[in-house]
PDB file of N, CA and C in Angstrom:
ATOM      1  N   LEU A   1       5.844  -1.933  14.745  1.00  0.00           N
ATOM      2  CA  LEU A   1       4.972  -1.165  15.268  1.00  0.00           C
ATOM      3  C   LEU A   1       5.212  -0.870  16.592  1.00  0.00           C
ATOM      4  N   PRO A   2       4.698   0.130  17.278  1.00  0.00           N
ATOM      5  CA  PRO A   2       5.000   0.591  18.673  1.00  0.00           C
ATOM      6  C   PRO A   2       4.163  -0.473  19.453  1.00  0.00           C
ATOM      7  N   GLU A   3       5.073  -1.347  20.668  1.00  0.00           N
ATOM      8  CA  GLU A   3       4.594  -2.084  21.357  1.00  0.00           C
ATOM      9  C   GLU A   3       2.718  -1.592  22.048  1.00  0.00           C
ATOM     10  N   GLY A   4       2.168  -2.632  22.244  1.00  0.00           N
ATOM     11  CA  GLY A   4       0.901  -2.488  22.355  1.00  0.00           C
ATOM     12  C   GLY A   4      -0.304  -1.737  21.777  1.00  0.00           C
ATOM     13  N   THR A   5       0.161  -1.529  19.976  1.00  0.00           N
ATOM     14  CA  THR A   5      -1.090  -1.209  19.269  1.00  0.00           C
ATOM     15  C   THR A   5      -1.659  -2.033  18.657  1.00  0.00           C
ATOM     16  N   ASP A   6      -2.751  -1.821  17.600  1.00  0.00           N
ATOM     17  CA  ASP A   6      -3.361  -2.550  17.507  1.00  0.00           C
ATOM     18  C   ASP A   6      -2.963  -3.182  16.318  1.00  0.00           C
ATOM     19  N   PRO A   7      -3.142  -4.097  15.777  1.00  0.00           N
ATOM     20  CA  PRO A   7      -1.873  -4.653  14.498  1.00  0.00           C
ATOM     21  C   PRO A   7      -3.132  -4.481  13.753  1.00  0.00           C
ATOM     22  N   GLU A   8      -4.542  -4.206  13.639  1.00  0.00           N
ATOM     23  CA  GLU A   8      -4.978  -4.128  12.369  1.00  0.00           C
ATOM     24  C   GLU A   8      -5.166  -1.944  12.261  1.00  0.00           C
ATOM     25  N   SER A   9      -4.567  -1.561  12.693  1.00  0.00           N
ATOM     26  CA  SER A   9      -4.563  -0.238  12.807  1.00  0.00           C
ATOM     27  C   SER A   9      -3.146   0.227  11.277  1.00  0.00           C
ATOM     28  N   THR A  10      -3.376   1.413  10.814  1.00  0.00           N
ATOM     29  CA  THR A  10      -2.366   2.260   9.834  1.00  0.00           C
ATOM     30  C   THR A  10      -1.766   2.806  10.063  1.00  0.00           C
ATOM     31  N   PHE A  11      -0.507   2.499   9.573  1.00  0.00           N
ATOM     32  CA  PHE A  11       0.902   3.519  10.241  1.00  0.00           C
ATOM     33  C   PHE A  11       1.157   3.759   9.016  1.00  0.00           C
ATOM     34  N   VAL A  12       1.727   5.175   9.161  1.00  0.00           N
ATOM     35  CA  VAL A  12       2.048   5.554   7.775  1.00  0.00           C
ATOM     36  C   VAL A  12       3.580   6.632   8.341  1.00  0.00           C
ATOM     37  N   THR A  13       4.398   6.184   8.065  1.00  0.00           N
ATOM     38  CA  THR A  13       6.015   6.803   7.785  1.00  0.00           C
ATOM     39  C   THR A  13       6.347   7.465   6.890  1.00  0.00           C
ATOM     40  N   ALA A  14       6.739   8.760   6.551  1.00  0.00           N
ATOM     41  CA  ALA A  14       7.440   9.521   5.677  1.00  0.00           C
ATOM     42  C   ALA A  14       8.741  10.188   6.093  1.00  0.00           C
ATOM     43  N   GLY A  15       9.875  10.666   4.729  1.00  0.00           N
ATOM     44  CA  GLY A  15      10.312  11.518   4.966  1.00  0.00           C
ATOM     45  C   GLY A  15       9.814  12.690   4.955  1.00  0.00           C
ATOM     46  N   GLY A  16       8.961  13.127   4.519  1.00  0.00           N
ATOM     47  CA  GLY A  16       8.216  14.463   4.765  1.00  0.00           C
ATOM     48  C   GLY A  16       6.880  14.160   4.649  1.00  0.00           C
ATOM     49  N   ALA A  17       6.094  15.792   5.163  1.00  0.00           N
ATOM     50  CA  ALA A  17       4.709  15.538   4.946  1.00  0.00           C
ATOM     51  C   ALA A  17       4.031  16.805   4.867  1.00  0.00           C
ATOM     52  N   GLU A  18       2.706  16.681   4.217  1.00  0.00           N
ATOM     53  CA  GLU A  18       2.445  18.322   4.350  1.00  0.00           C
ATOM     54  C   GLU A  18       1.100  17.875   4.541  1.00  0.00           C
ATOM     55  N   PHE A  19       0.026  18.491   5.509  1.00  0.00           N
ATOM     56  CA  PHE A  19      -1.488  18.360   5.881  1.00  0.00           C
ATOM     57  C   PHE A  19      -1.663  19.836   5.844  1.00  0.00           C
ATOM     58  N   ARG A  20      -3.024  19.702   5.994  1.00  0.00           N
ATOM     59  CA  ARG A  20      -3.712  20.593   6.408  1.00  0.00           C
ATOM     60  C   ARG A  20      -4.445  19.844   7.483  1.00  0.00           C
ATOM     61  N   LEU A  21      -4.810  20.573   8.611  1.00  0.00           N
ATOM     62  CA  LEU A  21      -5.309  19.695   9.879  1.00  0.00           C
ATOM     63  C   LEU A  21      -6.677  19.684   9.798  1.00  0.00           C
ATOM     64  N   GLY A  22      -6.744  17.836  10.005  1.00  0.00           N
ATOM     65  CA  GLY A  22      -8.244  17.297   9.676  1.00  0.00           C
ATOM     66  C   GLY A  22      -8.295  17.343   7.928  1.00  0.00           C
ATOM     67  N   GLY A  23      -7.327  17.525   7.618  1.00  0.00           N
ATOM     68  CA  GLY A  23      -8.023  17.586   5.712  1.00  0.00           C
ATOM     69  C   GLY A  23      -6.790  16.315   5.323  1.00  0.00           C
ATOM     70  N   ASP A  24      -6.663  17.313   3.715  1.00  0.00           N
ATOM     71  CA  ASP A  24      -5.549  16.222   2.871  1.00  0.00           C
ATOM     72  C   ASP A  24      -4.181  16.129   3.583  1.00  0.00           C
ATOM     73  N   GLY A  25      -3.292  15.436   2.532  1.00  0.00           N
ATOM     74  CA  GLY A  25      -2.177  15.815   2.589  1.00  0.00           C
ATOM     75  C   GLY A  25      -1.009  15.074   1.828  1.00  0.00           C
ATOM     76  N   ARG A  26      -0.256  15.556   1.965  1.00  0.00           N
ATOM     77  CA  ARG A  26       0.710  14.776   0.917  1.00  0.00           C
ATOM     78  C   ARG A  26       2.240  13.931   1.548  1.00  0.00           C
ATOM     79  N   PHE A  27       2.741  13.182   1.338  1.00  0.00           N
ATOM     80  CA  PHE A  27       3.971  12.377   1.977  1.00  0.00           C
ATOM     81  C   PHE A  27       4.647  12.192   0.902  1.00  0.00           C
ATOM     82  N   THR A  28       6.251  12.480   1.287  1.00  0.00           N
ATOM     83  CA  THR A  28       7.024  12.198   0.070  1.00  0.00           C
ATOM     84  C   THR A  28       8.241  11.378   0.688  1.00  0.00           C
ATOM     85  N   ARG A  29       8.908  10.934   0.349  1.00  0.00           N
ATOM     86  CA  ARG A  29       9.695   9.538   0.624  1.00  0.00           C
ATOM     87  C   ARG A  29      11.159   9.586   1.294  1.00  0.00           C
ATOM     88  N   PRO A  30      11.231   8.853   2.259  1.00  0.00           N
ATOM     89  CA  PRO A  30      10.472   7.486   1.761  1.00  0.00           C
ATOM     90  C   PRO A  30       9.242   7.173   2.425  1.00  0.00           C
ATOM     91  N   LEU A  31       8.733   6.654   1.982  1.00  0.00           N
ATOM     92  CA  LEU A  31       6.930   6.249   2.403  1.00  0.00           C
ATOM     93  C   LEU A  31       6.608   5.023   2.678  1.00  0.00           C
ATOM     94  N   VAL A  32       6.357   4.534   4.177  1.00  0.00           N
ATOM     95  CA  VAL A  32       5.803   3.477   4.409  1.00  0.00           C
ATOM     96  C   VAL A  32       4.856   3.132   4.749  1.00  0.00           C
ATOM     97  N   ILE A  33       3.753   2.542   4.571  1.00  0.00           N
ATOM     98  CA  ILE A  33       2.251   2.220   5.112  1.00  0.00           C
ATOM     99  C   ILE A  33       2.589   0.880   5.759  1.00  0.00           C
ATOM    100  N   ARG A  34       2.437   0.768   6.955  1.00  0.00           N
ATOM    101  CA  ARG A  34       2.090  -0.800   7.350  1.00  0.00           C
ATOM    102  C   ARG A  34       0.481  -0.921   8.000  1.00  0.00           C
ATOM    103  N   ARG A  35       0.253  -2.135   7.768  1.00  0.00           N
ATOM    104  CA  ARG A  35      -0.937  -2.801   8.617  1.00  0.00           C
ATOM    105  C   ARG A  35      -0.922  -4.245   8.381  1.00  0.00           C
ATOM    106  N   GLY A  36      -1.137  -4.426  10.201  1.00  0.00           N
ATOM    107  CA  GLY A  36      -0.729  -6.142  10.049  1.00  0.00           C
ATOM    108  C   GLY A  36       0.564  -6.369   9.840  1.00  0.00           C
ATOM    109  N   ASP A  37       0.702  -7.465   9.238  1.00  0.00           N
ATOM    110  CA  ASP A  37       1.712  -8.043   8.676  1.00  0.00           C
ATOM    111  C   ASP A  37       2.380  -7.774   7.071  1.00  0.00           C
ATOM    112  N   SER A  38       1.696  -6.521   6.449  1.00  0.00           N
ATOM    113  CA  SER A  38       1.857  -6.055   5.130  1.00  0.00           C
ATOM    114  C   SER A  38       2.473  -4.627   5.193  1.00  0.00           C
ATOM    115  N   ARG A  39       2.800  -4.234   4.345  1.00  0.00           N
ATOM    116  CA  ARG A  39       3.777  -3.236   4.100  1.00  0.00           C
ATOM    117  C   ARG A  39       3.719  -2.836   2.659  1.00  0.00           C
ATOM    118  N   LEU A  40       4.075  -1.242   2.294  1.00  0.00           N
ATOM    119  CA  LEU A  40       3.917  -0.818   1.126  1.00  0.00           C
ATOM    120  C   LEU A  40       4.680   0.364   1.379  1.00  0.00           C
ATOM    121  N   SER A  41       5.611   0.305   0.454  1.00  0.00           N
ATOM    122  CA  SER A  41       6.847   1.592   0.052  1.00  0.00           C
ATOM    123  C   SER A  41       6.485   1.909  -1.033  1.00  0.00           C
ATOM    124  N   ALA A  42       6.901   3.315  -1.057  1.00  0.00           N
ATOM    125  CA  ALA A  42       6.917   4.243  -2.483  1.00  0.00           C
ATOM    126  C   ALA A  42       7.497   5.342  -2.136  1.00  0.00           C
ATOM    127  N   ASP A  43       7.697   6.451  -3.295  1.00  0.00           N
ATOM    128  CA  ASP A  43       8.455   7.380  -3.386  1.00  0.00           C
ATOM    129  C   ASP A  43       7.321   8.603  -2.590  1.00  0.00           C
ATOM    130  N   ASP A  44       6.063   8.469  -3.013  1.00  0.00           N
ATOM    131  CA  ASP A  44       5.364   9.345  -2.507  1.00  0.00           C
ATOM    132  C   ASP A  44       3.955   9.090  -2.488  1.00  0.00           C
ATOM    133  N   ALA A  45       2.968   9.581  -1.880  1.00  0.00           N
ATOM    134  CA  ALA A  45       1.658   9.692  -1.554  1.00  0.00           C
ATOM    135  C   ALA A  45       0.519  10.856  -1.644  1.00  0.00           C
ATOM    136  N   THR A  46      -0.297  10.834  -2.098  1.00  0.00           N
ATOM    137  CA  THR A  46      -1.331  11.974  -1.498  1.00  0.00           C
ATOM    138  C   THR A  46      -3.001  11.628  -0.884  1.00  0.00           C
ATOM    139  N   TYR A  47      -2.866  11.818   0.189  1.00  0.00           N
ATOM    140  CA  TYR A  47      -3.879  11.760   1.174  1.00  0.00           C
ATOM    141  C   TYR A  47      -5.356  11.941   0.866  1.00  0.00           C
ATOM    142  N   ASP A  48      -6.470  11.518   0.662  1.00  0.00           N
ATOM    143  CA  ASP A  48      -7.655  12.432   0.428  1.00  0.00           C
ATOM    144  C   ASP A  48      -8.473  11.780   1.910  1.00  0.00           C
ATOM    145  N   ALA A  49      -8.619  12.920   2.506  1.00  0.00           N
ATOM    146  CA  ALA A  49      -9.373  13.064   3.857  1.00  0.00           C
ATOM    147  C   ALA A  49     -10.910  12.435   3.875  1.00  0.00           C
ATOM    148  N   ALA A  50     -11.619  13.266   2.819  1.00  0.00           N
ATOM    149  CA  ALA A  50     -13.019  12.869   2.406  1.00  0.00           C
ATOM    150  C   ALA A  50     -13.505  11.618   2.243  1.00  0.00           C
ATOM    151  N   THR A  51     -12.075  10.852   1.494  1.00  0.00           N
ATOM    152  CA  THR A  51     -12.677   9.319   1.163  1.00  0.00           C
ATOM    153  C   THR A  51     -11.541   8.542   2.026  1.00  0.00           C
ATOM    154  N   GLY A  52     -10.868   8.934   2.766  1.00  0.00           N
ATOM    155  CA  GLY A  52     -10.120   8.240   3.407  1.00  0.00           C
ATOM    156  C   GLY A  52      -8.875   7.097   2.584  1.00  0.00           C
ATOM    157  N   ARG A  53      -8.756   7.815   1.652  1.00  0.00           N
ATOM    158  CA  ARG A  53      -8.023   7.164   0.665  1.00  0.00           C
ATOM    159  C   ARG A  53      -6.396   7.690  -0.119  1.00  0.00           C
ATOM    160  N   PHE A  54      -5.490   6.746  -0.101  1.00  0.00           N
ATOM    161  CA  PHE A  54      -4.281   7.054  -0.525  1.00  0.00           C
ATOM    162  C   PHE A  54      -4.281   7.142  -1.855  1.00  0.00           C
ATOM    163  N   ALA A  55      -3.228   7.829  -2.750  1.00  0.00           N
ATOM    164  CA  ALA A  55      -3.142   7.759  -4.265  1.00  0.00           C
ATOM    165  C   ALA A  55      -1.503   7.753  -3.699  1.00  0.00           C
ATOM    166  N   VAL A  56      -0.960   6.761  -4.358  1.00  0.00           N
ATOM    167  CA  VAL A  56       0.372   6.193  -3.959  1.00  0.00           C
ATOM    168  C   VAL A  56       1.193   6.005  -5.638  1.00  0.00           C
ATOM    169  N   ALA A  57       2.563   6.882  -5.744  1.00  0.00           N
ATOM    170  CA  ALA A  57       3.044   7.066  -6.846  1.00  0.00           C
ATOM    171  C   ALA A  57       4.563   6.701  -6.679  1.00  0.00           C
ATOM    172  N   GLY A  58       4.947   6.336  -7.625  1.00  0.00           N
ATOM    173  CA  GLY A  58       6.871   5.740  -7.694  1.00  0.00           C
ATOM    174  C   GLY A  58       7.120   4.747  -6.997  1.00  0.00           C
ATOM    175  N   SER A  59       7.837   3.737  -7.657  1.00  0.00           N
ATOM    176  CA  SER A  59       8.549   2.549  -6.867  1.00  0.00           C
ATOM    177  C   SER A  59       7.695   1.863  -6.006  1.00  0.00           C
ATOM    178  N   ILE A  60       6.386   1.123  -6.082  1.00  0.00           N
ATOM    179  CA  ILE A  60       5.522   0.649  -5.532  1.00  0.00           C
ATOM    180  C   ILE A  60       6.279  -0.519  -5.179  1.00  0.00           C
ATOM    181  N   ASP A  61       5.882  -0.742  -3.839  1.00  0.00           N
ATOM    182  CA  ASP A  61       6.693  -2.369  -3.582  1.00  0.00           C
ATOM    183  C   ASP A  61       5.431  -2.602  -2.293  1.00  0.00           C
ATOM    184  N   PHE A  62       4.824  -3.422  -2.266  1.00  0.00           N
ATOM    185  CA  PHE A  62       3.902  -4.163  -1.393  1.00  0.00           C
ATOM    186  C   PHE A  62       4.568  -5.205  -1.104  1.00  0.00           C
ATOM    187  N   GLN A  63       4.931  -5.779  -0.070  1.00  0.00           N
ATOM    188  CA  GLN A  63       4.604  -6.970   0.824  1.00  0.00           C
ATOM    189  C   GLN A  63       3.907  -7.458   1.806  1.00  0.00           C
ATOM    190  N   GLY A  64       3.285  -8.892   1.686  1.00  0.00           N
ATOM    191  CA  GLY A  64       2.581  -9.152   2.360  1.00  0.00           C
ATOM    192  C   GLY A  64       2.948 -10.670   2.773  1.00  0.00           C
ATOM    193  N   PRO A  65       2.205 -11.553   3.584  1.00  0.00           N
ATOM    194  CA  PRO A  65       2.683 -12.737   3.856  1.00  0.00           C
ATOM    195  C   PRO A  65       2.276 -13.583   3.137  1.00  0.00           C
ATOM    196  N   GLU A  66       1.782 -13.429   1.809  1.00  0.00           N
ATOM    197  CA  GLU A  66       2.180 -14.425   0.935  1.00  0.00           C
ATOM    198  C   GLU A  66       2.123 -14.122  -0.581  1.00  0.00           C
ATOM    199  N   ALA A  67       2.628 -12.613  -1.063  1.00  0.00           N
ATOM    200  CA  ALA A  67       3.017 -12.400  -2.207  1.00  0.00           C
ATOM    201  C   ALA A  67       3.721 -10.866  -2.026  1.00  0.00           C
ATOM    202  N   ARG A  68       4.492 -10.867  -3.136  1.00  0.00           N
ATOM    203  CA  ARG A  68       5.310  -9.332  -3.241  1.00  0.00           C
ATOM    204  C   ARG A  68       4.647  -8.570  -4.530  1.00  0.00           C
ATOM    205  N   VAL A  69       4.459  -7.686  -4.626  1.00  0.00           N
ATOM    206  CA  VAL A  69       3.824  -6.810  -5.764  1.00  0.00           C
ATOM    207  C   VAL A  69       4.423  -5.562  -5.538  1.00  0.00           C
ATOM    208  N   LEU A  70       5.255  -5.372  -7.158  1.00  0.00           N
ATOM    209  CA  LEU A  70       5.989  -4.451  -7.695  1.00  0.00           C
ATOM    210  C   LEU A  70       5.082  -3.560  -8.908  1.00  0.00           C
ATOM    211  N   GLY A  71       4.855  -1.980  -8.668  1.00  0.00           N
ATOM    212  CA  GLY A  71       4.687  -1.805  -9.653  1.00  0.00           C
ATOM    213  C   GLY A  71       4.564  -0.153  -9.958  1.00  0.00           C
ATOM    214  N   ARG A  72       4.263   1.090 -10.768  1.00  0.00           N
ATOM    215  CA  ARG A  72       4.161   2.666 -10.454  1.00  0.00           C
ATOM    216  C   ARG A  72       3.293   3.052  -9.910  1.00  0.00           C
ATOM    217  N   SER A  73       2.234   2.861  -9.826  1.00  0.00           N
ATOM    218  CA  SER A  73       1.416   3.442  -9.246  1.00  0.00           C
ATOM    219  C   SER A  73       0.115   2.585  -8.346  1.00  0.00           C
ATOM    220  N   ALA A  74      -0.355   3.117  -7.431  1.00  0.00           N
ATOM    221  CA  ALA A  74      -1.344   2.526  -6.790  1.00  0.00           C
ATOM    222  C   ALA A  74      -2.450   3.171  -5.729  1.00  0.00           C
ATOM    223  N   ALA A  75      -3.832   2.782  -5.455  1.00  0.00           N
ATOM    224  CA  ALA A  75      -4.870   3.442  -4.734  1.00  0.00           C
ATOM    225  C   ALA A  75      -4.700   2.413  -3.647  1.00  0.00           C
ATOM    226  N   TYR A  76      -4.858   3.312  -2.341  1.00  0.00           N
ATOM    227  CA  TYR A  76      -5.246   2.261  -1.258  1.00  0.00           C
ATOM    228  C   TYR A  76      -6.048   2.791  -0.191  1.00  0.00           C
ATOM    229  N   SER A  77      -7.105   2.138   0.179  1.00  0.00           N
ATOM    230  CA  SER A  77      -8.310   2.268   0.983  1.00  0.00           C
ATOM    231  C   SER A  77      -7.686   1.508   2.363  1.00  0.00           C
ATOM    232  N   PRO A  78      -7.421   2.044   3.067  1.00  0.00           N
ATOM    233  CA  PRO A  78      -7.450   1.381   4.505  1.00  0.00           C
ATOM    234  C   PRO A  78      -8.914   0.818   5.485  1.00  0.00           C
ATOM    235  N   LEU A  79     -10.205   1.654   5.080  1.00  0.00           N
ATOM    236  CA  LEU A  79     -11.151   1.419   5.436  1.00  0.00           C
ATOM    237  C   LEU A  79     -11.610  -0.098   4.596  1.00  0.00           C
ATOM    238  N   ASP A  80     -11.475  -0.164   3.556  1.00  0.00           N
ATOM    239  CA  ASP A  80     -11.631  -1.205   2.253  1.00  0.00           C
ATOM    240  C   ASP A  80     -10.953  -2.643   2.735  1.00  0.00           C
ATOM    241  N   GLU A  81      -9.545  -2.077   3.192  1.00  0.00           N
ATOM    242  CA  GLU A  81      -8.586  -3.229   3.201  1.00  0.00           C
ATOM    243  C   GLU A  81      -8.516  -3.307   1.797  1.00  0.00           C
ATOM    244  N   GLN A  82      -8.314  -2.368   0.921  1.00  0.00           N
ATOM    245  CA  GLN A  82      -7.829  -2.655  -0.390  1.00  0.00           C
ATOM    246  C   GLN A  82      -6.798  -2.090  -1.002  1.00  0.00           C
ATOM    247  N   LEU A  83      -6.019  -2.337  -2.186  1.00  0.00           N
ATOM    248  CA  LEU A  83      -5.032  -1.804  -2.476  1.00  0.00           C
ATOM    249  C   LEU A  83      -5.027  -2.474  -3.990  1.00  0.00           C
ATOM    250  N   VAL A  84      -4.947  -1.175  -4.840  1.00  0.00           N
ATOM    251  CA  VAL A  84      -4.867  -1.830  -6.267  1.00  0.00           C
ATOM    252  C   VAL A  84      -3.935  -1.016  -7.178  1.00  0.00           C
ATOM    253  N   ILE A  85      -2.651  -2.029  -7.639  1.00  0.00           N
ATOM    254  CA  ILE A  85      -1.613  -1.726  -7.976  1.00  0.00           C
ATOM    255  C   ILE A  85      -1.716  -1.632  -9.429  1.00  0.00           C
ATOM    256  N   THR A  86      -1.073  -0.885 -10.139  1.00  0.00           N
ATOM    257  CA  THR A  86      -1.265  -0.813 -12.055  1.00  0.00           C
ATOM    258  C   THR A  86       0.093  -0.952 -12.158  1.00  0.00           C
ATOM    259  N   ALA A  87       0.372  -2.010 -13.696  1.00  0.00           N
ATOM    260  CA  ALA A  87       1.843  -2.246 -14.061  1.00  0.00           C
ATOM    261  C   ALA A  87       2.433  -2.899 -12.788  1.00  0.00           C
ATOM    262  N   ALA A  88       1.886  -3.744 -12.801  1.00  0.00           N
ATOM    263  CA  ALA A  88       2.364  -4.517 -11.763  1.00  0.00           C
ATOM    264  C   ALA A  88       2.996  -5.767 -12.463  1.00  0.00           C
ATOM    265  N   ASP A  89       4.304  -6.211 -11.595  1.00  0.00           N
ATOM    266  CA  ASP A  89       4.971  -7.344 -11.313  1.00  0.00           C
ATOM    267  C   ASP A  89       4.575  -8.084 -10.285  1.00  0.00           C
ATOM    268  N   PHE A  90       4.472  -9.373 -10.415  1.00  0.00           N
ATOM    269  CA  PHE A  90       4.157 -10.134  -8.876  1.00  0.00           C
ATOM    270  C   PHE A  90       4.576 -11.184  -8.579  1.00  0.00           C
ATOM    271  N   GLU A  91       4.818 -11.596  -7.285  1.00  0.00           N
ATOM    272  CA  GLU A  91       5.462 -12.842  -6.912  1.00  0.00           C
ATOM    273  C   GLU A  91       4.687 -13.697  -5.676  1.00  0.00           C
ATOM    274  N   LEU A  92       3.771 -14.901  -6.321  1.00  0.00           N
ATOM    275  CA  LEU A  92       3.471 -15.530  -4.920  1.00  0.00           C
ATOM    276  C   LEU A  92       4.265 -16.795  -4.279  1.00  0.00           C
ATOM    277  N   PHE A  93       4.307 -16.604  -2.873  1.00  0.00           N
ATOM    278  CA  PHE A  93       5.032 -17.262  -2.400  1.00  0.00           C
ATOM    279  C   PHE A  93       4.645 -18.421  -1.935  1.00  0.00           C
ATOM    280  N   THR A  94       3.016 -18.970  -2.084  1.00  0.00           N
ATOM    281  CA  THR A  94       2.986 -20.174  -1.675  1.00  0.00           C
ATOM    282  C   THR A  94       2.381 -20.588  -2.635  1.00  0.00           C
ATOM    283  N   LEU A  95       3.023 -20.591  -4.051  1.00  0.00           N
ATOM    284  CA  LEU A  95       2.659 -21.531  -5.154  1.00  0.00           C
ATOM    285  C   LEU A  95       3.872 -22.118  -5.854  1.00  0.00           C
ATOM    286  N   PRO A  96       5.405 -21.432  -5.810  1.00  0.00           N
ATOM    287  CA  PRO A  96       5.508 -20.296  -5.861  1.00  0.00           C
ATOM    288  C   PRO A  96       5.428 -19.878  -7.447  1.00  0.00           C
ATOM    289  N   ALA A  97       5.069 -18.527  -7.465  1.00  0.00           N
ATOM    290  CA  ALA A  97       4.645 -18.252  -9.024  1.00  0.00           C
ATOM    291  C   ALA A  97       5.032 -16.329  -9.224  1.00  0.00           C
ATOM    292  N   ARG A  98       5.534 -16.550 -10.099  1.00  0.00           N
ATOM    293  CA  ARG A  98       5.848 -14.833 -10.558  1.00  0.00           C
ATOM    294  C   ARG A  98       4.751 -14.629 -11.931  1.00  0.00           C
ATOM    295  N   GLY A  99       4.768 -13.356 -12.266  1.00  0.00           N
ATOM    296  CA  GLY A  99       4.487 -12.840 -13.603  1.00  0.00           C
ATOM    297  C   GLY A  99       3.987 -11.262 -13.594  1.00  0.00           C
ATOM    298  N   ARG A 100       3.069 -10.849 -14.329  1.00  0.00           N
ATOM    299  CA  ARG A 100       2.951  -9.614 -14.982  1.00  0.00           C
ATOM    300  C   ARG A 100       1.060  -9.239 -14.852  1.00  0.00           C
ATOM    301  N   ALA A 101       1.047  -8.330 -14.677  1.00  0.00           N
ATOM    302  CA  ALA A 101      -0.930  -7.894 -14.523  1.00  0.00           C
ATOM    303  C   ALA A 101      -0.429  -6.689 -15.034  1.00  0.00           C
ATOM    304  N   GLY A 102      -1.563  -5.977 -15.556  1.00  0.00           N
ATOM    305  CA  GLY A 102      -1.650  -4.839 -15.477  1.00  0.00           C
ATOM    306  C   GLY A 102      -2.466  -4.070 -14.545  1.00  0.00           C
ATOM    307  N   ARG A 103      -3.271  -4.995 -13.712  1.00  0.00           N
ATOM    308  CA  ARG A 103      -3.824  -4.412 -12.750  1.00  0.00           C
ATOM    309  C   ARG A 103      -3.747  -5.491 -11.587  1.00  0.00           C
ATOM    310  N   VAL A 104      -3.484  -5.060 -10.506  1.00  0.00           N
ATOM    311  CA  VAL A 104      -3.706  -6.407  -9.340  1.00  0.00           C
ATOM    312  C   VAL A 104      -4.127  -5.674  -7.846  1.00  0.00           C
ATOM    313  N   ALA A 105      -5.518  -6.233  -7.251  1.00  0.00           N
ATOM    314  CA  ALA A 105      -5.693  -5.802  -6.358  1.00  0.00           C
ATOM    315  C   ALA A 105      -5.437  -6.837  -5.018  1.00  0.00           C
ATOM    316  N   VAL A 106      -5.118  -6.132  -3.917  1.00  0.00           N
ATOM    317  CA  VAL A 106      -4.770  -6.948  -2.631  1.00  0.00           C
ATOM    318  C   VAL A 106      -5.766  -6.349  -2.412  1.00  0.00           C
ATOM    319  N   GLU A 107      -6.576  -7.422  -1.646  1.00  0.00           N
ATOM    320  CA  GLU A 107      -7.938  -7.503  -0.880  1.00  0.00           C
ATOM    321  C   GLU A 107      -7.348  -7.951   0.700  1.00  0.00           C
ATOM    322  N   GLY A 108      -7.358  -7.498   1.699  1.00  0.00           N
ATOM    323  CA  GLY A 108      -7.291  -8.171   3.175  1.00  0.00           C
ATOM    324  C   GLY A 108      -5.521  -7.963   2.868  1.00  0.00           C
ATOM    325  N   SER A 109      -4.956  -8.546   3.344  1.00  0.00           N
ATOM    326  CA  SER A 109      -3.423  -9.023   3.184  1.00  0.00           C
ATOM    327  C   SER A 109      -2.833 -10.169   2.366  1.00  0.00           C
ATOM    328  N   THR A 110      -4.163 -11.228   2.123  1.00  0.00           N
ATOM    329  CA  THR A 110      -3.973 -12.268   1.402  1.00  0.00           C
ATOM    330  C   THR A 110      -4.390 -12.665  -0.251  1.00  0.00           C
ATOM    331  N   LYS A 111      -5.681 -11.714  -0.440  1.00  0.00           N
ATOM    332  CA  LYS A 111      -6.178 -12.505  -1.200  1.00  0.00           C
ATOM    333  C   LYS A 111      -5.353 -11.516  -2.521  1.00  0.00           C
ATOM    334  N   LEU A 112      -5.472 -11.616  -3.726  1.00  0.00           N
ATOM    335  CA  LEU A 112      -4.791 -11.143  -5.061  1.00  0.00           C
ATOM    336  C   LEU A 112      -5.722 -11.088  -5.986  1.00  0.00           C
ATOM    337  N   VAL A 113      -6.109 -10.391  -6.702  1.00  0.00           N
ATOM    338  CA  VAL A 113      -6.832 -10.375  -7.795  1.00  0.00           C
ATOM    339  C   VAL A 113      -6.431  -9.839  -8.922  1.00  0.00           C
ATOM    340  N   LEU A 114      -5.548 -10.698 -10.076  1.00  0.00           N
ATOM    341  CA  LEU A 114      -4.716 -10.129 -11.417  1.00  0.00           C
ATOM    342  C   LEU A 114      -5.917  -9.828 -12.438  1.00  0.00           C
ATOM    343  N   GLU A 115      -5.696  -8.622 -13.016  1.00  0.00           N
ATOM    344  CA  GLU A 115      -5.981  -8.347 -14.213  1.00  0.00           C
ATOM    345  C   GLU A 115      -5.285  -7.651 -15.143  1.00  0.00           C
TER     346      GLU A 115
END
C-alpha cells in the first residue's frame, strides 16, 4: 500500500479498467483488490456504483491472515467487509485444516462461514 494510507481503505489494481465517471465499471486481469492485510485476486470484476459491490469472476484467490480461499466467482462488498466465494476450496492456517464448500463467506478479514 502507498505509504501513509489508511490500512482499512480498499485498493484496486488491474491490467485494464473501463468506467463511467462516477458510475459502474469493469476491471480486467490481472485484478487485485487489497484491504488491510487481505488480498483478493481474480481474472476480472464489475463494479456496481449504486450498491458499492464487486462481482468477481475467474480464478478467485483470497488470502487473509488466517485463511486462503480459492473459487470460481465471488461477490465483494467493501462497505460491509463481506466477501462470498462460490465453489470454494479453503485452507485455514490456524487449525490447520483444508476442505471444500459450495460457498465460503469471509467477514472482515478473519471470520469464515462455510456453507
